[in-house]
N, C-alpha and C. Protein backbone atom coordinates (compact mmCIF):
# COMPACT_ATOMS: atom_id res chain seq x y z
N MET A 1 0.80 -1.19 0.00
CA MET A 1 0.00 0.00 0.00
C MET A 1 0.85 1.26 0.00
N PRO A 2 1.97 1.32 -0.71
CA PRO A 2 2.84 2.48 -0.65
C PRO A 2 2.21 3.74 -1.20
N ASP A 3 1.24 3.65 -2.09
CA ASP A 3 0.64 4.83 -2.67
C ASP A 3 -0.54 5.34 -1.86
N GLY A 4 -0.79 4.74 -0.71
CA GLY A 4 -1.84 5.22 0.18
C GLY A 4 -3.23 4.74 -0.16
N ARG A 5 -3.39 3.85 -1.13
CA ARG A 5 -4.71 3.33 -1.46
C ARG A 5 -4.94 2.01 -0.76
N ASN A 6 -6.18 1.76 -0.43
CA ASN A 6 -6.57 0.51 0.20
C ASN A 6 -6.56 -0.60 -0.85
N ARG A 7 -5.88 -1.71 -0.57
CA ARG A 7 -5.83 -2.81 -1.52
C ARG A 7 -7.23 -3.32 -1.84
N ARG A 8 -8.08 -3.39 -0.82
CA ARG A 8 -9.46 -3.84 -1.04
C ARG A 8 -10.15 -2.87 -1.99
N GLY A 9 -9.94 -1.56 -1.80
CA GLY A 9 -10.56 -0.57 -2.65
C GLY A 9 -10.06 -0.64 -4.08
N ALA A 10 -8.80 -1.07 -4.26
CA ALA A 10 -8.24 -1.17 -5.60
C ALA A 10 -8.95 -2.26 -6.40
N ARG A 11 -9.44 -3.30 -5.72
CA ARG A 11 -10.14 -4.39 -6.40
C ARG A 11 -11.62 -4.08 -6.58
N ALA A 12 -12.15 -3.21 -5.72
CA ALA A 12 -13.57 -2.90 -5.76
C ALA A 12 -13.86 -1.85 -6.84
N ARG A 13 -15.12 -1.67 -7.12
CA ARG A 13 -15.54 -0.64 -8.07
C ARG A 13 -15.12 0.73 -7.54
N ARG A 14 -14.53 1.54 -8.43
CA ARG A 14 -14.11 2.87 -8.04
C ARG A 14 -15.30 3.81 -8.06
N VAL A 15 -15.45 4.60 -7.02
CA VAL A 15 -16.53 5.57 -6.94
C VAL A 15 -16.04 6.86 -7.58
N SER A 16 -16.80 7.39 -8.53
CA SER A 16 -16.38 8.61 -9.22
C SER A 16 -17.51 9.63 -9.23
N CYS A 17 -17.92 10.07 -8.05
CA CYS A 17 -19.02 11.02 -7.94
C CYS A 17 -18.52 12.45 -7.77
N LEU A 18 -17.21 12.66 -7.70
CA LEU A 18 -16.66 14.00 -7.52
C LEU A 18 -16.17 14.56 -8.85
N PRO A 19 -16.31 15.85 -9.06
CA PRO A 19 -15.79 16.43 -10.30
C PRO A 19 -14.26 16.44 -10.28
N GLU A 20 -13.67 16.34 -11.46
CA GLU A 20 -12.21 16.37 -11.56
C GLU A 20 -11.71 17.80 -11.44
N VAL A 21 -10.76 18.03 -10.56
CA VAL A 21 -10.17 19.35 -10.36
C VAL A 21 -8.66 19.21 -10.52
N ARG A 22 -8.08 20.06 -11.35
CA ARG A 22 -6.63 20.01 -11.58
C ARG A 22 -5.98 21.31 -11.12
N VAL A 23 -4.76 21.19 -10.65
CA VAL A 23 -3.96 22.35 -10.29
C VAL A 23 -2.51 22.03 -10.63
N ALA A 24 -1.80 23.04 -11.10
CA ALA A 24 -0.38 22.84 -11.41
C ALA A 24 0.40 22.68 -10.11
N SER A 25 1.32 21.73 -10.09
CA SER A 25 2.14 21.53 -8.90
C SER A 25 3.04 22.75 -8.69
N PRO A 26 3.18 23.16 -7.44
CA PRO A 26 4.02 24.33 -7.17
C PRO A 26 5.50 23.97 -7.24
N ARG A 27 6.32 25.00 -7.34
CA ARG A 27 7.77 24.81 -7.18
C ARG A 27 8.03 24.79 -5.68
N ILE A 28 8.61 23.69 -5.22
CA ILE A 28 8.83 23.50 -3.79
C ILE A 28 10.31 23.61 -3.49
N GLY A 29 10.65 24.48 -2.55
CA GLY A 29 12.04 24.67 -2.15
C GLY A 29 12.53 23.53 -1.28
N PRO A 30 13.78 23.59 -0.88
CA PRO A 30 14.35 22.52 -0.05
C PRO A 30 13.69 22.48 1.33
N ARG A 31 13.66 21.28 1.89
CA ARG A 31 13.11 21.12 3.23
C ARG A 31 14.17 21.56 4.26
N GLU A 32 13.73 22.38 5.20
CA GLU A 32 14.61 22.84 6.27
C GLU A 32 14.20 22.15 7.56
N VAL A 33 15.07 21.30 8.09
CA VAL A 33 14.76 20.59 9.33
C VAL A 33 14.84 21.58 10.49
N LEU A 34 13.74 21.72 11.23
CA LEU A 34 13.68 22.64 12.36
C LEU A 34 13.92 21.94 13.68
N HIS A 35 13.53 20.67 13.73
CA HIS A 35 13.70 19.89 14.97
C HIS A 35 13.65 18.41 14.62
N GLN A 36 14.44 17.63 15.34
CA GLN A 36 14.44 16.19 15.12
C GLN A 36 14.67 15.49 16.45
N ASN A 37 13.91 14.41 16.68
CA ASN A 37 14.11 13.58 17.86
C ASN A 37 13.82 12.14 17.47
N PRO A 38 13.97 11.18 18.39
CA PRO A 38 13.75 9.77 18.00
C PRO A 38 12.33 9.46 17.52
N PHE A 39 11.38 10.35 17.77
CA PHE A 39 9.99 10.07 17.43
C PHE A 39 9.51 10.76 16.17
N GLY A 40 10.23 11.76 15.70
CA GLY A 40 9.77 12.46 14.51
C GLY A 40 10.64 13.64 14.15
N THR A 41 10.29 14.26 13.03
CA THR A 41 11.03 15.41 12.50
C THR A 41 10.05 16.52 12.17
N VAL A 42 10.42 17.74 12.47
CA VAL A 42 9.65 18.91 12.07
C VAL A 42 10.47 19.64 11.01
N TYR A 43 9.84 19.88 9.85
CA TYR A 43 10.56 20.61 8.80
C TYR A 43 9.66 21.65 8.15
N ALA A 44 10.30 22.62 7.52
CA ALA A 44 9.59 23.68 6.81
C ALA A 44 9.91 23.59 5.33
N ALA A 45 8.95 23.97 4.49
CA ALA A 45 9.16 24.00 3.04
C ALA A 45 8.36 25.16 2.46
N HIS A 46 8.94 25.82 1.47
CA HIS A 46 8.28 26.95 0.80
C HIS A 46 7.76 26.46 -0.55
N ALA A 47 6.49 26.75 -0.84
CA ALA A 47 5.87 26.33 -2.10
C ALA A 47 5.41 27.57 -2.87
N ASP A 48 5.85 27.67 -4.12
CA ASP A 48 5.50 28.80 -4.98
C ASP A 48 4.53 28.33 -6.06
N PHE A 49 3.29 28.81 -5.99
CA PHE A 49 2.25 28.45 -6.95
C PHE A 49 2.18 29.43 -8.12
N GLY A 50 3.07 30.41 -8.15
CA GLY A 50 3.05 31.42 -9.19
C GLY A 50 2.34 32.67 -8.73
N SER A 51 1.03 32.59 -8.58
CA SER A 51 0.26 33.75 -8.15
C SER A 51 0.22 33.89 -6.63
N VAL A 52 0.59 32.84 -5.97
CA VAL A 52 0.59 32.85 -4.50
C VAL A 52 1.67 31.89 -4.01
N ALA A 53 2.17 32.14 -2.80
CA ALA A 53 3.18 31.26 -2.19
C ALA A 53 2.74 30.92 -0.78
N LYS A 54 3.13 29.72 -0.34
CA LYS A 54 2.77 29.27 1.01
C LYS A 54 3.98 28.61 1.66
N ASP A 55 4.04 28.76 2.98
CA ASP A 55 5.03 28.04 3.77
C ASP A 55 4.33 26.90 4.49
N TYR A 56 4.92 25.72 4.41
CA TYR A 56 4.36 24.54 5.07
C TYR A 56 5.29 24.12 6.20
N TYR A 57 4.70 23.78 7.34
CA TYR A 57 5.44 23.26 8.48
C TYR A 57 4.88 21.87 8.77
N VAL A 58 5.74 20.88 8.62
CA VAL A 58 5.30 19.49 8.66
C VAL A 58 5.93 18.75 9.83
N VAL A 59 5.11 17.99 10.54
CA VAL A 59 5.60 17.06 11.56
C VAL A 59 5.55 15.67 10.94
N ASP A 60 6.71 15.06 10.80
CA ASP A 60 6.82 13.74 10.16
C ASP A 60 7.11 12.69 11.22
N PHE A 61 6.10 11.85 11.49
CA PHE A 61 6.25 10.79 12.49
C PHE A 61 6.61 9.46 11.85
N GLY A 62 6.63 9.40 10.52
CA GLY A 62 6.86 8.12 9.84
C GLY A 62 5.58 7.31 9.80
N PRO A 63 5.60 6.19 9.10
CA PRO A 63 4.39 5.37 8.96
C PRO A 63 4.05 4.60 10.23
N ARG A 64 2.77 4.26 10.36
CA ARG A 64 2.32 3.45 11.51
C ARG A 64 1.27 2.46 11.03
N ALA A 65 0.97 1.51 11.90
CA ALA A 65 -0.01 0.47 11.57
C ALA A 65 -0.88 0.20 12.78
N GLY A 66 -2.12 -0.22 12.51
CA GLY A 66 -3.04 -0.55 13.58
C GLY A 66 -3.76 -1.86 13.29
N MET A 67 -4.33 -2.46 14.34
CA MET A 67 -4.97 -3.76 14.22
C MET A 67 -6.36 -3.76 14.84
N VAL A 68 -7.35 -4.16 14.06
CA VAL A 68 -8.68 -4.44 14.61
C VAL A 68 -8.74 -5.95 14.82
N ALA A 69 -8.52 -6.36 16.06
CA ALA A 69 -8.55 -7.78 16.42
C ALA A 69 -9.96 -8.11 16.91
N VAL A 70 -10.59 -9.09 16.27
CA VAL A 70 -11.99 -9.40 16.56
C VAL A 70 -12.13 -10.86 16.97
N ARG A 71 -12.86 -11.08 18.05
CA ARG A 71 -13.13 -12.44 18.53
C ARG A 71 -14.58 -12.52 18.98
N ASP A 72 -15.35 -13.39 18.34
CA ASP A 72 -16.76 -13.56 18.69
C ASP A 72 -17.52 -12.23 18.69
N GLY A 73 -17.25 -11.40 17.68
CA GLY A 73 -17.96 -10.13 17.57
C GLY A 73 -17.50 -9.04 18.51
N HIS A 74 -16.43 -9.30 19.27
CA HIS A 74 -15.87 -8.34 20.21
C HIS A 74 -14.53 -7.82 19.68
N VAL A 75 -14.29 -6.53 19.86
CA VAL A 75 -13.06 -5.88 19.40
C VAL A 75 -12.13 -5.68 20.59
N LEU A 76 -10.85 -5.97 20.38
CA LEU A 76 -9.84 -5.82 21.43
C LEU A 76 -9.40 -4.37 21.50
N LEU A 77 -9.60 -3.75 22.67
CA LEU A 77 -9.19 -2.37 22.91
C LEU A 77 -8.17 -2.31 24.04
N THR A 78 -7.29 -1.33 23.95
CA THR A 78 -6.28 -1.11 24.99
C THR A 78 -6.54 0.23 25.66
N ALA A 79 -6.25 0.31 26.94
CA ALA A 79 -6.38 1.56 27.69
C ALA A 79 -4.99 2.15 27.90
N GLN A 80 -4.80 3.39 27.45
CA GLN A 80 -3.51 4.06 27.58
C GLN A 80 -3.72 5.50 28.01
N TYR A 81 -2.82 6.01 28.85
CA TYR A 81 -2.87 7.42 29.23
C TYR A 81 -2.41 8.26 28.04
N ARG A 82 -3.15 9.34 27.74
CA ARG A 82 -2.81 10.23 26.63
C ARG A 82 -2.65 11.65 27.14
N PHE A 83 -1.48 12.21 26.88
CA PHE A 83 -1.07 13.50 27.43
C PHE A 83 -1.98 14.65 27.01
N LEU A 84 -2.32 14.74 25.74
CA LEU A 84 -3.07 15.91 25.26
C LEU A 84 -4.49 16.00 25.82
N ILE A 85 -5.06 14.88 26.21
CA ILE A 85 -6.39 14.92 26.83
C ILE A 85 -6.32 14.67 28.33
N ASP A 86 -5.12 14.34 28.82
CA ASP A 86 -4.86 14.12 30.25
C ASP A 86 -5.83 13.12 30.87
N ARG A 87 -6.01 12.03 30.16
CA ARG A 87 -6.84 10.96 30.70
C ARG A 87 -6.55 9.66 29.93
N VAL A 88 -7.19 8.61 30.38
CA VAL A 88 -7.04 7.31 29.72
C VAL A 88 -7.94 7.28 28.49
N ALA A 89 -7.40 6.75 27.39
CA ALA A 89 -8.18 6.58 26.17
C ALA A 89 -8.21 5.11 25.79
N TRP A 90 -9.33 4.67 25.23
CA TRP A 90 -9.46 3.30 24.74
C TRP A 90 -9.20 3.30 23.24
N GLU A 91 -8.27 2.43 22.81
CA GLU A 91 -7.80 2.43 21.43
C GLU A 91 -7.55 1.01 20.95
N ILE A 92 -7.49 0.85 19.62
CA ILE A 92 -7.03 -0.42 19.07
C ILE A 92 -5.51 -0.46 19.21
N PRO A 93 -4.90 -1.65 19.22
CA PRO A 93 -3.44 -1.74 19.25
C PRO A 93 -2.83 -1.15 17.98
N GLY A 94 -1.68 -0.53 18.12
CA GLY A 94 -1.01 0.02 16.95
C GLY A 94 0.24 0.77 17.33
N GLY A 95 1.03 1.12 16.31
CA GLY A 95 2.25 1.86 16.58
C GLY A 95 3.09 2.02 15.32
N ARG A 96 4.32 2.44 15.54
CA ARG A 96 5.23 2.74 14.43
C ARG A 96 5.61 1.49 13.64
N ILE A 97 5.86 1.71 12.37
CA ILE A 97 6.41 0.66 11.51
C ILE A 97 7.93 0.81 11.53
N ASP A 98 8.62 -0.23 11.92
CA ASP A 98 10.08 -0.18 11.98
C ASP A 98 10.69 -0.18 10.58
N PRO A 99 11.87 0.39 10.42
CA PRO A 99 12.53 0.37 9.11
C PRO A 99 12.65 -1.05 8.57
N GLY A 100 12.26 -1.26 7.32
CA GLY A 100 12.33 -2.57 6.69
C GLY A 100 11.16 -3.49 7.02
N GLU A 101 10.26 -3.05 7.86
CA GLU A 101 9.11 -3.86 8.29
C GLU A 101 7.91 -3.53 7.42
N SER A 102 7.12 -4.54 7.07
CA SER A 102 5.90 -4.28 6.30
C SER A 102 4.82 -3.77 7.25
N PRO A 103 3.85 -3.00 6.74
CA PRO A 103 2.74 -2.55 7.59
C PRO A 103 2.00 -3.71 8.26
N GLU A 104 1.81 -4.80 7.51
CA GLU A 104 1.11 -5.97 8.05
C GLU A 104 1.88 -6.58 9.22
N ASP A 105 3.18 -6.75 9.05
CA ASP A 105 3.99 -7.30 10.14
C ASP A 105 4.00 -6.37 11.35
N ALA A 106 4.04 -5.07 11.10
CA ALA A 106 4.04 -4.11 12.21
C ALA A 106 2.74 -4.16 12.99
N ALA A 107 1.61 -4.28 12.29
CA ALA A 107 0.32 -4.35 12.97
C ALA A 107 0.24 -5.58 13.87
N ALA A 108 0.69 -6.73 13.35
CA ALA A 108 0.68 -7.97 14.15
C ALA A 108 1.64 -7.86 15.33
N ARG A 109 2.83 -7.31 15.09
CA ARG A 109 3.82 -7.16 16.17
C ARG A 109 3.31 -6.25 17.27
N GLU A 110 2.76 -5.10 16.88
CA GLU A 110 2.27 -4.15 17.88
C GLU A 110 1.17 -4.77 18.73
N CYS A 111 0.27 -5.51 18.10
CA CYS A 111 -0.82 -6.14 18.85
C CYS A 111 -0.26 -7.14 19.85
N LEU A 112 0.69 -7.95 19.40
CA LEU A 112 1.29 -8.95 20.30
C LEU A 112 2.03 -8.28 21.44
N GLU A 113 2.83 -7.25 21.13
CA GLU A 113 3.60 -6.57 22.17
C GLU A 113 2.71 -5.89 23.20
N GLU A 114 1.64 -5.27 22.73
CA GLU A 114 0.80 -4.49 23.65
C GLU A 114 -0.20 -5.35 24.43
N THR A 115 -0.63 -6.47 23.84
CA THR A 115 -1.74 -7.21 24.45
C THR A 115 -1.44 -8.66 24.79
N GLY A 116 -0.43 -9.25 24.13
CA GLY A 116 -0.19 -10.67 24.30
C GLY A 116 -0.98 -11.53 23.34
N PHE A 117 -1.78 -10.92 22.46
CA PHE A 117 -2.59 -11.66 21.48
C PHE A 117 -1.93 -11.59 20.10
N LEU A 118 -1.82 -12.76 19.47
CA LEU A 118 -1.26 -12.85 18.13
C LEU A 118 -2.38 -12.97 17.12
N CYS A 119 -2.36 -12.10 16.11
CA CYS A 119 -3.34 -12.12 15.03
C CYS A 119 -2.71 -12.75 13.80
N SER A 120 -3.47 -13.59 13.11
CA SER A 120 -3.00 -14.20 11.87
C SER A 120 -4.05 -13.98 10.78
N SER A 121 -3.68 -14.30 9.54
CA SER A 121 -4.56 -14.10 8.38
C SER A 121 -5.09 -12.67 8.34
N LEU A 122 -4.18 -11.70 8.46
CA LEU A 122 -4.56 -10.31 8.45
C LEU A 122 -5.11 -9.90 7.09
N LYS A 123 -6.11 -9.03 7.13
CA LYS A 123 -6.69 -8.48 5.90
C LYS A 123 -6.61 -6.96 5.98
N PRO A 124 -6.26 -6.30 4.87
CA PRO A 124 -6.20 -4.83 4.89
C PRO A 124 -7.60 -4.24 5.06
N LEU A 125 -7.70 -3.23 5.89
CA LEU A 125 -8.98 -2.56 6.15
C LEU A 125 -9.02 -1.19 5.49
N LEU A 126 -8.05 -0.34 5.82
CA LEU A 126 -7.96 0.97 5.18
C LEU A 126 -6.57 1.55 5.38
N THR A 127 -6.25 2.50 4.53
CA THR A 127 -5.02 3.26 4.65
C THR A 127 -5.39 4.73 4.54
N TYR A 128 -4.85 5.55 5.43
CA TYR A 128 -5.18 6.97 5.40
C TYR A 128 -4.01 7.80 5.92
N ARG A 129 -4.11 9.10 5.68
CA ARG A 129 -3.14 10.06 6.21
C ARG A 129 -3.90 10.98 7.18
N PRO A 130 -3.44 11.10 8.43
CA PRO A 130 -4.15 11.95 9.38
C PRO A 130 -4.07 13.44 9.05
N GLY A 131 -3.12 13.85 8.24
CA GLY A 131 -3.01 15.23 7.80
C GLY A 131 -2.48 15.25 6.38
N LEU A 132 -2.90 16.24 5.59
CA LEU A 132 -2.45 16.31 4.20
C LEU A 132 -1.55 17.51 3.95
N ASP A 133 -1.43 18.40 4.91
CA ASP A 133 -0.55 19.56 4.78
C ASP A 133 0.54 19.59 5.85
N ASN A 134 0.23 19.14 7.05
CA ASN A 134 1.18 19.37 8.14
C ASN A 134 1.51 18.17 9.01
N VAL A 135 0.94 17.00 8.75
CA VAL A 135 1.26 15.79 9.50
C VAL A 135 1.54 14.66 8.52
N GLU A 136 2.73 14.09 8.58
CA GLU A 136 3.07 12.93 7.75
C GLU A 136 3.11 11.71 8.65
N ASN A 137 2.12 10.83 8.47
CA ASN A 137 1.99 9.67 9.35
C ASN A 137 1.11 8.64 8.65
N LEU A 138 1.53 8.19 7.46
CA LEU A 138 0.75 7.24 6.68
C LEU A 138 0.38 6.05 7.55
N THR A 139 -0.92 5.78 7.66
CA THR A 139 -1.42 4.79 8.59
C THR A 139 -2.14 3.67 7.86
N SER A 140 -1.71 2.43 8.11
CA SER A 140 -2.32 1.24 7.50
C SER A 140 -3.00 0.44 8.60
N VAL A 141 -4.27 0.11 8.39
CA VAL A 141 -5.04 -0.62 9.39
C VAL A 141 -5.45 -1.97 8.81
N PHE A 142 -5.29 -3.00 9.62
CA PHE A 142 -5.64 -4.36 9.23
C PHE A 142 -6.68 -4.90 10.20
N HIS A 143 -7.35 -5.99 9.79
CA HIS A 143 -8.26 -6.65 10.72
C HIS A 143 -8.01 -8.15 10.66
N SER A 144 -8.30 -8.79 11.77
CA SER A 144 -8.13 -10.24 11.87
C SER A 144 -9.18 -10.80 12.80
N GLU A 145 -9.74 -11.93 12.40
CA GLU A 145 -10.67 -12.65 13.26
C GLU A 145 -10.06 -13.95 13.76
N GLN A 146 -8.76 -14.11 13.50
CA GLN A 146 -8.02 -15.26 14.01
C GLN A 146 -7.03 -14.73 15.05
N VAL A 147 -7.48 -14.71 16.27
CA VAL A 147 -6.74 -14.09 17.37
C VAL A 147 -6.48 -15.14 18.44
N GLU A 148 -5.21 -15.27 18.80
CA GLU A 148 -4.81 -16.30 19.76
C GLU A 148 -3.98 -15.67 20.88
N GLU A 149 -4.34 -16.00 22.12
CA GLU A 149 -3.56 -15.49 23.25
C GLU A 149 -2.25 -16.24 23.33
N ARG A 150 -1.14 -15.51 23.27
CA ARG A 150 0.19 -16.11 23.32
C ARG A 150 0.85 -15.97 24.68
N ARG A 151 0.47 -14.95 25.42
CA ARG A 151 1.02 -14.76 26.76
C ARG A 151 0.05 -13.94 27.58
N PRO A 152 0.07 -14.09 28.90
CA PRO A 152 -0.83 -13.31 29.74
C PRO A 152 -0.52 -11.82 29.63
N PHE A 153 -1.54 -11.00 29.66
CA PHE A 153 -1.35 -9.56 29.62
C PHE A 153 -0.79 -9.07 30.95
N VAL A 154 0.20 -8.18 30.87
CA VAL A 154 0.77 -7.54 32.06
C VAL A 154 0.64 -6.04 31.87
N ALA A 155 -0.07 -5.38 32.79
CA ALA A 155 -0.26 -3.94 32.69
C ALA A 155 1.07 -3.20 32.84
N ASP A 156 1.21 -2.11 32.12
CA ASP A 156 2.42 -1.29 32.15
C ASP A 156 1.99 0.16 32.16
N VAL A 157 2.29 0.90 33.22
CA VAL A 157 1.83 2.27 33.36
C VAL A 157 2.37 3.16 32.25
N ALA A 158 3.51 2.80 31.67
CA ALA A 158 4.08 3.60 30.59
C ALA A 158 3.55 3.19 29.21
N GLU A 159 2.76 2.13 29.16
CA GLU A 159 2.27 1.64 27.87
C GLU A 159 0.77 1.34 27.98
N VAL A 160 0.42 0.07 28.13
CA VAL A 160 -1.00 -0.31 28.17
C VAL A 160 -1.41 -0.62 29.61
N LEU A 161 -2.47 0.04 30.05
CA LEU A 161 -2.93 -0.11 31.44
C LEU A 161 -3.92 -1.26 31.61
N ALA A 162 -4.71 -1.53 30.57
CA ALA A 162 -5.74 -2.55 30.67
C ALA A 162 -6.20 -2.94 29.27
N LEU A 163 -6.87 -4.09 29.19
CA LEU A 163 -7.47 -4.56 27.94
C LEU A 163 -8.96 -4.73 28.14
N ALA A 164 -9.70 -4.66 27.04
CA ALA A 164 -11.13 -4.96 27.10
C ALA A 164 -11.57 -5.51 25.75
N TRP A 165 -12.40 -6.56 25.79
CA TRP A 165 -13.05 -7.07 24.58
C TRP A 165 -14.45 -6.46 24.57
N VAL A 166 -14.68 -5.59 23.60
CA VAL A 166 -15.91 -4.79 23.57
C VAL A 166 -16.73 -5.17 22.34
N PRO A 167 -18.04 -5.45 22.50
CA PRO A 167 -18.87 -5.75 21.33
C PRO A 167 -18.77 -4.64 20.29
N LEU A 168 -18.74 -5.03 19.03
CA LEU A 168 -18.58 -4.06 17.95
C LEU A 168 -19.64 -2.96 18.02
N ASN A 169 -20.90 -3.32 18.26
CA ASN A 169 -21.95 -2.31 18.35
C ASN A 169 -21.67 -1.30 19.46
N ASP A 170 -21.12 -1.77 20.57
CA ASP A 170 -20.78 -0.86 21.66
C ASP A 170 -19.61 0.04 21.28
N CYS A 171 -18.64 -0.51 20.53
CA CYS A 171 -17.52 0.31 20.06
C CYS A 171 -18.03 1.45 19.19
N VAL A 172 -18.95 1.15 18.29
CA VAL A 172 -19.53 2.18 17.43
C VAL A 172 -20.26 3.23 18.27
N ALA A 173 -21.00 2.78 19.26
CA ALA A 173 -21.72 3.71 20.14
C ALA A 173 -20.73 4.61 20.89
N LEU A 174 -19.64 4.03 21.36
CA LEU A 174 -18.62 4.81 22.08
C LEU A 174 -18.00 5.86 21.17
N VAL A 175 -17.81 5.52 19.91
CA VAL A 175 -17.29 6.50 18.93
C VAL A 175 -18.29 7.63 18.76
N LEU A 176 -19.55 7.29 18.52
CA LEU A 176 -20.57 8.30 18.25
C LEU A 176 -20.89 9.16 19.47
N GLU A 177 -20.66 8.61 20.67
CA GLU A 177 -20.88 9.37 21.90
C GLU A 177 -19.67 10.21 22.29
N GLY A 178 -18.57 10.09 21.54
CA GLY A 178 -17.37 10.86 21.85
C GLY A 178 -16.55 10.31 22.98
N GLN A 179 -16.78 9.02 23.33
CA GLN A 179 -15.97 8.41 24.38
C GLN A 179 -14.71 7.77 23.82
N ILE A 180 -14.73 7.35 22.57
CA ILE A 180 -13.52 6.95 21.85
C ILE A 180 -13.20 8.09 20.91
N VAL A 181 -12.04 8.72 21.10
CA VAL A 181 -11.71 9.92 20.34
C VAL A 181 -10.42 9.81 19.54
N ASP A 182 -9.68 8.74 19.72
CA ASP A 182 -8.44 8.53 18.97
C ASP A 182 -8.76 8.34 17.50
N ALA A 183 -8.13 9.12 16.61
CA ALA A 183 -8.46 9.09 15.18
C ALA A 183 -8.23 7.72 14.57
N LEU A 184 -7.16 7.04 14.97
CA LEU A 184 -6.88 5.70 14.45
C LEU A 184 -8.04 4.76 14.79
N THR A 185 -8.47 4.80 16.04
CA THR A 185 -9.51 3.89 16.50
C THR A 185 -10.87 4.24 15.91
N VAL A 186 -11.19 5.52 15.87
CA VAL A 186 -12.45 5.96 15.27
C VAL A 186 -12.54 5.49 13.83
N SER A 187 -11.48 5.76 13.04
CA SER A 187 -11.48 5.36 11.63
C SER A 187 -11.59 3.85 11.48
N ALA A 188 -10.83 3.12 12.29
CA ALA A 188 -10.80 1.67 12.17
C ALA A 188 -12.13 1.03 12.55
N ILE A 189 -12.73 1.48 13.65
CA ILE A 189 -14.00 0.91 14.10
C ILE A 189 -15.09 1.15 13.06
N LEU A 190 -15.19 2.38 12.56
CA LEU A 190 -16.24 2.70 11.60
C LEU A 190 -16.01 1.98 10.27
N ALA A 191 -14.75 1.86 9.85
CA ALA A 191 -14.45 1.14 8.61
C ALA A 191 -14.79 -0.34 8.75
N TYR A 192 -14.46 -0.92 9.90
CA TYR A 192 -14.77 -2.34 10.12
C TYR A 192 -16.27 -2.56 10.13
N ARG A 193 -17.03 -1.66 10.74
CA ARG A 193 -18.48 -1.76 10.75
C ARG A 193 -19.01 -1.67 9.32
N CYS A 194 -18.49 -0.74 8.52
CA CYS A 194 -18.92 -0.61 7.11
C CYS A 194 -18.60 -1.86 6.33
N LEU A 195 -17.44 -2.45 6.60
CA LEU A 195 -17.05 -3.68 5.92
C LEU A 195 -18.06 -4.78 6.21
N GLY A 196 -18.51 -4.87 7.44
CA GLY A 196 -19.48 -5.89 7.82
C GLY A 196 -20.80 -5.72 7.11
N THR A 197 -21.21 -4.48 6.86
CA THR A 197 -22.48 -4.26 6.18
C THR A 197 -22.40 -4.56 4.69
N ARG A 198 -21.19 -4.62 4.14
CA ARG A 198 -21.01 -4.88 2.70
C ARG A 198 -20.83 -6.35 2.41
N ARG A 199 -20.64 -7.17 3.45
CA ARG A 199 -20.41 -8.60 3.22
C ARG A 199 -21.68 -9.31 2.78
C-alpha cells in the first residue's frame, strides 16, 4: 500500500461522484529541518504556486499500523494514558512501523507486544493520512478474526494499562458518543463496521 490506497478498494468498483479538479504543482524549495528527535522530524518548506506562495510546516512521524482484532464479535481495545487529553483513552493496538518492516507485520507485532494476542490471516482494512498539509503519518489498518492469546497480559503504566473485549456495536456507540476519540480507532471501528455491512 505504498501509494496510500486501500488494496481492497483497488479491487472494488471505483466511486467517481466528484468532479475532476486540476492544479499545477508548485515549485517547492528545499526542506529545512527545524527539529528532530527519535519520534519524529519537524521541517519547513516553501511552495511557490506562481500567483501565490505558502510556507508549510510538517511534523513527520513516519508510517504506523493498527490492528482491529476481533473475537466472537468483540473488538480488542487497549487503555492508555494520553497526554493531550490528560486521561485514559481506549484504542485499538497500533504503533510505528520499523525500518524494513511491512505494515502488516508491524500491525501484528504491535498487537502482540501491547496485548499478548497474536493475530494471523490479516486483511487490509484501510489506509489513510491523518493530515495532508502538516502531519506525515501514513497509517495502515488491518483486521483479523483469528486471534490467539500467546502470553498473559501484564499492565504497564508507561504503555498499556488494561485490555477490554468490547462488542462491535458498543464500540460504534462509544465512537458516536465521543468516548472513543483517537483518530486511528475511530477510523478503524467505523471502517470495520462498514465492511461488515457490505459482506
